[in-house]
Amino acid sequence: MADHSEQTCRRVDVGISRVFELFGKRWTGPIVSVLLQRPVHFAELRRAIPGISERMLSDRLSELGAAGLVIREVDEGPPLRVAYRLTEAGAAMEPALKELGRWADTYLAEPEPGTGC
């Protein structure tokens, strides 16, 4: 018989908690979404995500790198350019993110005009 004690029902799945600690932050999902397509240079990544600041993009990329999802690669110049690509672990998020996108298309209302993408 399943344990339905109050303590058991209040526990949150540790894996889900860890995922949303990272992916629950603003901009993380869009960054990974862009990188799923191909490796991208920093400036191109910033242009692909309207509204994100350079500082925020840099912070999120650092967090994704620390989590083992993104690799930073320096293209020797001149000019010196930095590109980012997903690791195997980052690329493995693709099916889950596509499924979340399908869910959103089905169950989330479209944003009001002028309030978002």
C-alpha atoms as a PDB file:
ATOM      1  CA  MET A   1       0.000   0.000   0.000  1.00  0.00           C
ATOM      2  CA  ALA A   2       1.283   3.480  -0.826  1.00  0.00           C
ATOM      3  CA  ASP A   3       2.527   5.687   2.002  1.00  0.00           C
ATOM      4  CA  HIS A   4       0.285   8.755   2.122  1.00  0.00           C
ATOM      5  CA  SER A   5       1.532  10.169   5.386  1.00  0.00           C
ATOM      6  CA  GLU A   6       1.722  13.933   5.691  1.00  0.00           C
ATOM      7  CA  GLN A   7       5.539  13.823   5.680  1.00  0.00           C
ATOM      8  CA  THR A   8       5.664  11.772   2.462  1.00  0.00           C
ATOM      9  CA  CYS A   9       3.129  13.964   0.656  1.00  0.00           C
ATOM     10  CA  ARG A  10       5.024  17.149   1.510  1.00  0.00           C
ATOM     11  CA  ARG A  11       8.329  15.959   0.050  1.00  0.00           C
ATOM     12  CA  VAL A  12       9.300  17.507  -3.215  1.00  0.00           C
ATOM     13  CA  ASP A  13      11.151  15.414  -5.757  1.00  0.00           C
ATOM     14  CA  VAL A  14      14.838  16.250  -5.378  1.00  0.00           C
ATOM     15  CA  GLY A  15      15.552  15.906  -9.105  1.00  0.00           C
ATOM     16  CA  ILE A  16      12.728  18.283 -10.040  1.00  0.00           C
ATOM     17  CA  SER A  17      13.957  20.746  -7.428  1.00  0.00           C
ATOM     18  CA  ARG A  18      17.470  20.669  -8.897  1.00  0.00           C
ATOM     19  CA  VAL A  19      16.181  21.141 -12.457  1.00  0.00           C
ATOM     20  CA  PHE A  20      14.046  24.132 -11.536  1.00  0.00           C
ATOM     21  CA  GLU A  21      16.815  25.726  -9.475  1.00  0.00           C
ATOM     22  CA  LEU A  22      18.579  26.145 -12.808  1.00  0.00           C
ATOM     23  CA  PHE A  23      15.797  26.239 -15.409  1.00  0.00           C
ATOM     24  CA  GLY A  24      13.445  28.243 -13.212  1.00  0.00           C
ATOM     25  CA  LYS A  25      15.679  31.275 -13.606  1.00  0.00           C
ATOM     26  CA  ARG A  26      14.721  33.842 -16.189  1.00  0.00           C
ATOM     27  CA  TRP A  27      16.560  33.492 -19.520  1.00  0.00           C
ATOM     28  CA  THR A  28      17.969  30.007 -18.938  1.00  0.00           C
ATOM     29  CA  GLY A  29      15.383  28.240 -21.116  1.00  0.00           C
ATOM     30  CA  PRO A  30      15.711  30.642 -24.049  1.00  0.00           C
ATOM     31  CA  ILE A  31      19.518  30.407 -23.924  1.00  0.00           C
ATOM     32  CA  VAL A  32      19.449  26.620 -24.058  1.00  0.00           C
ATOM     33  CA  SER A  33      16.791  26.746 -26.772  1.00  0.00           C
ATOM     34  CA  VAL A  34      19.058  28.843 -29.005  1.00  0.00           C
ATOM     35  CA  LEU A  35      22.059  26.625 -28.279  1.00  0.00           C
ATOM     36  CA  LEU A  36      20.068  23.497 -29.183  1.00  0.00           C
ATOM     37  CA  GLN A  37      20.156  24.724 -32.782  1.00  0.00           C
ATOM     38  CA  ARG A  38      23.944  25.092 -33.013  1.00  0.00           C
ATOM     39  CA  PRO A  39      26.989  26.633 -31.300  1.00  0.00           C
ATOM     40  CA  VAL A  40      26.662  30.421 -31.178  1.00  0.00           C
ATOM     41  CA  HIS A  41      28.978  33.366 -30.544  1.00  0.00           C
ATOM     42  CA  PHE A  42      28.159  35.562 -27.557  1.00  0.00           C
ATOM     43  CA  ALA A  43      26.957  38.581 -29.574  1.00  0.00           C
ATOM     44  CA  GLU A  44      24.776  36.415 -31.793  1.00  0.00           C
ATOM     45  CA  LEU A  45      23.281  34.733 -28.740  1.00  0.00           C
ATOM     46  CA  ARG A  46      22.483  38.108 -27.203  1.00  0.00           C
ATOM     47  CA  ARG A  47      20.761  39.251 -30.412  1.00  0.00           C
ATOM     48  CA  ALA A  48      18.721  36.052 -30.500  1.00  0.00           C
ATOM     49  CA  ILE A  49      17.224  36.765 -27.051  1.00  0.00           C
ATOM     50  CA  PRO A  50      15.607  40.215 -27.030  1.00  0.00           C
ATOM     51  CA  GLY A  51      15.715  41.989 -23.679  1.00  0.00           C
ATOM     52  CA  ILE A  52      18.611  40.098 -22.104  1.00  0.00           C
ATOM     53  CA  SER A  53      21.551  42.194 -20.938  1.00  0.00           C
ATOM     54  CA  GLU A  54      25.164  41.229 -21.568  1.00  0.00           C
ATOM     55  CA  ARG A  55      25.693  40.824 -17.830  1.00  0.00           C
ATOM     56  CA  MET A  56      22.681  38.537 -17.411  1.00  0.00           C
ATOM     57  CA  LEU A  57      23.660  36.474 -20.446  1.00  0.00           C
ATOM     58  CA  SER A  58      27.173  36.107 -19.091  1.00  0.00           C
ATOM     59  CA  ASP A  59      25.860  35.103 -15.644  1.00  0.00           C
ATOM     60  CA  ARG A  60      23.461  32.515 -17.058  1.00  0.00           C
ATOM     61  CA  LEU A  61      26.127  31.071 -19.346  1.00  0.00           C
ATOM     62  CA  SER A  62      28.461  30.760 -16.354  1.00  0.00           C
ATOM     63  CA  GLU A  63      25.762  28.941 -14.386  1.00  0.00           C
ATOM     64  CA  LEU A  64      25.056  26.605 -17.292  1.00  0.00           C
ATOM     65  CA  GLY A  65      28.774  25.962 -17.643  1.00  0.00           C
ATOM     66  CA  ALA A  66      29.135  25.201 -13.931  1.00  0.00           C
ATOM     67  CA  ALA A  67      26.215  22.769 -14.241  1.00  0.00           C
ATOM     68  CA  GLY A  68      28.028  20.990 -17.080  1.00  0.00           C
ATOM     69  CA  LEU A  69      25.489  21.928 -19.754  1.00  0.00           C
ATOM     70  CA  VAL A  70      27.445  24.522 -21.769  1.00  0.00           C
ATOM     71  CA  ILE A  71      31.034  24.752 -22.969  1.00  0.00           C
ATOM     72  CA  ARG A  72      32.745  28.064 -23.669  1.00  0.00           C
ATOM     73  CA  GLU A  73      35.127  27.956 -26.639  1.00  0.00           C
ATOM     74  CA  VAL A  74      37.521  30.753 -27.570  1.00  0.00           C
ATOM     75  CA  ASP A  75      38.054  31.262 -31.304  1.00  0.00           C
ATOM     76  CA  GLU A  76      41.569  32.601 -31.729  1.00  0.00           C
ATOM     77  CA  GLY A  77      41.466  35.854 -33.627  1.00  0.00           C
ATOM     78  CA  PRO A  78      41.924  38.290 -34.681  1.00  0.00           C
ATOM     79  CA  PRO A  79      39.351  39.147 -33.679  1.00  0.00           C
ATOM     80  CA  LEU A  80      39.127  36.976 -30.603  1.00  0.00           C
ATOM     81  CA  ARG A  81      35.587  35.590 -30.341  1.00  0.00           C
ATOM     82  CA  VAL A  82      33.881  33.382 -27.812  1.00  0.00           C
ATOM     83  CA  ALA A  83      31.363  30.729 -28.834  1.00  0.00           C
ATOM     84  CA  TYR A  84      29.124  28.578 -26.667  1.00  0.00           C
ATOM     85  CA  ARG A  85      27.808  25.106 -27.325  1.00  0.00           C
ATOM     86  CA  LEU A  86      25.861  22.531 -25.384  1.00  0.00           C
ATOM     87  CA  THR A  87      27.586  19.551 -23.853  1.00  0.00           C
ATOM     88  CA  GLU A  88      26.128  16.086 -24.289  1.00  0.00           C
ATOM     89  CA  ALA A  89      24.204  16.631 -21.053  1.00  0.00           C
ATOM     90  CA  GLY A  90      22.860  19.977 -22.309  1.00  0.00           C
ATOM     91  CA  ALA A  91      21.807  18.524 -25.650  1.00  0.00           C
ATOM     92  CA  ALA A  92      20.038  15.691 -23.809  1.00  0.00           C
ATOM     93  CA  MET A  93      17.545  18.310 -22.531  1.00  0.00           C
ATOM     94  CA  GLU A  94      16.096  18.701 -26.041  1.00  0.00           C
ATOM     95  CA  PRO A  95      13.262  16.126 -25.776  1.00  0.00           C
ATOM     96  CA  ALA A  96      12.127  17.508 -22.417  1.00  0.00           C
ATOM     97  CA  LEU A  97      12.218  21.123 -23.616  1.00  0.00           C
ATOM     98  CA  LYS A  98      10.326  20.273 -26.816  1.00  0.00           C
ATOM     99  CA  GLU A  99       7.690  18.502 -24.763  1.00  0.00           C
ATOM    100  CA  LEU A 100       7.368  21.531 -22.462  1.00  0.00           C
ATOM    101  CA  GLY A 101       6.939  23.707 -25.555  1.00  0.00           C
ATOM    102  CA  ARG A 102       4.141  21.452 -26.840  1.00  0.00           C
ATOM    103  CA  TRP A 103       2.504  21.554 -23.415  1.00  0.00           C
ATOM    104  CA  ALA A 104       2.681  25.361 -23.400  1.00  0.00           C
ATOM    105  CA  ASP A 105       1.145  25.547 -26.878  1.00  0.00           C
ATOM    106  CA  THR A 106      -1.762  23.408 -25.674  1.00  0.00           C
ATOM    107  CA  TYR A 107      -2.384  24.682 -22.156  1.00  0.00           C
ATOM    108  CA  LEU A 108      -0.960  28.175 -21.715  1.00  0.00           C
ATOM    109  CA  ALA A 109      -2.792  31.201 -23.023  1.00  0.00           C
ATOM    110  CA  GLU A 110      -1.045  33.357 -25.595  1.00  0.00           C
ATOM    111  CA  PRO A 111       0.448  36.528 -24.094  1.00  0.00           C
ATOM    112  CA  GLU A 112      -1.476  39.750 -24.534  1.00  0.00           C
ATOM    113  CA  PRO A 113      -0.215  41.835 -27.479  1.00  0.00           C
ATOM    114  CA  GLY A 114       2.654  44.057 -26.398  1.00  0.00           C
ATOM    115  CA  THR A 115       3.351  42.095 -23.192  1.00  0.00           C
ATOM    116  CA  GLY A 116       5.830  39.502 -24.378  1.00  0.00           C
ATOM    117  CA  CYS A 117       7.146  37.334 -27.173  1.00  0.00           C
END
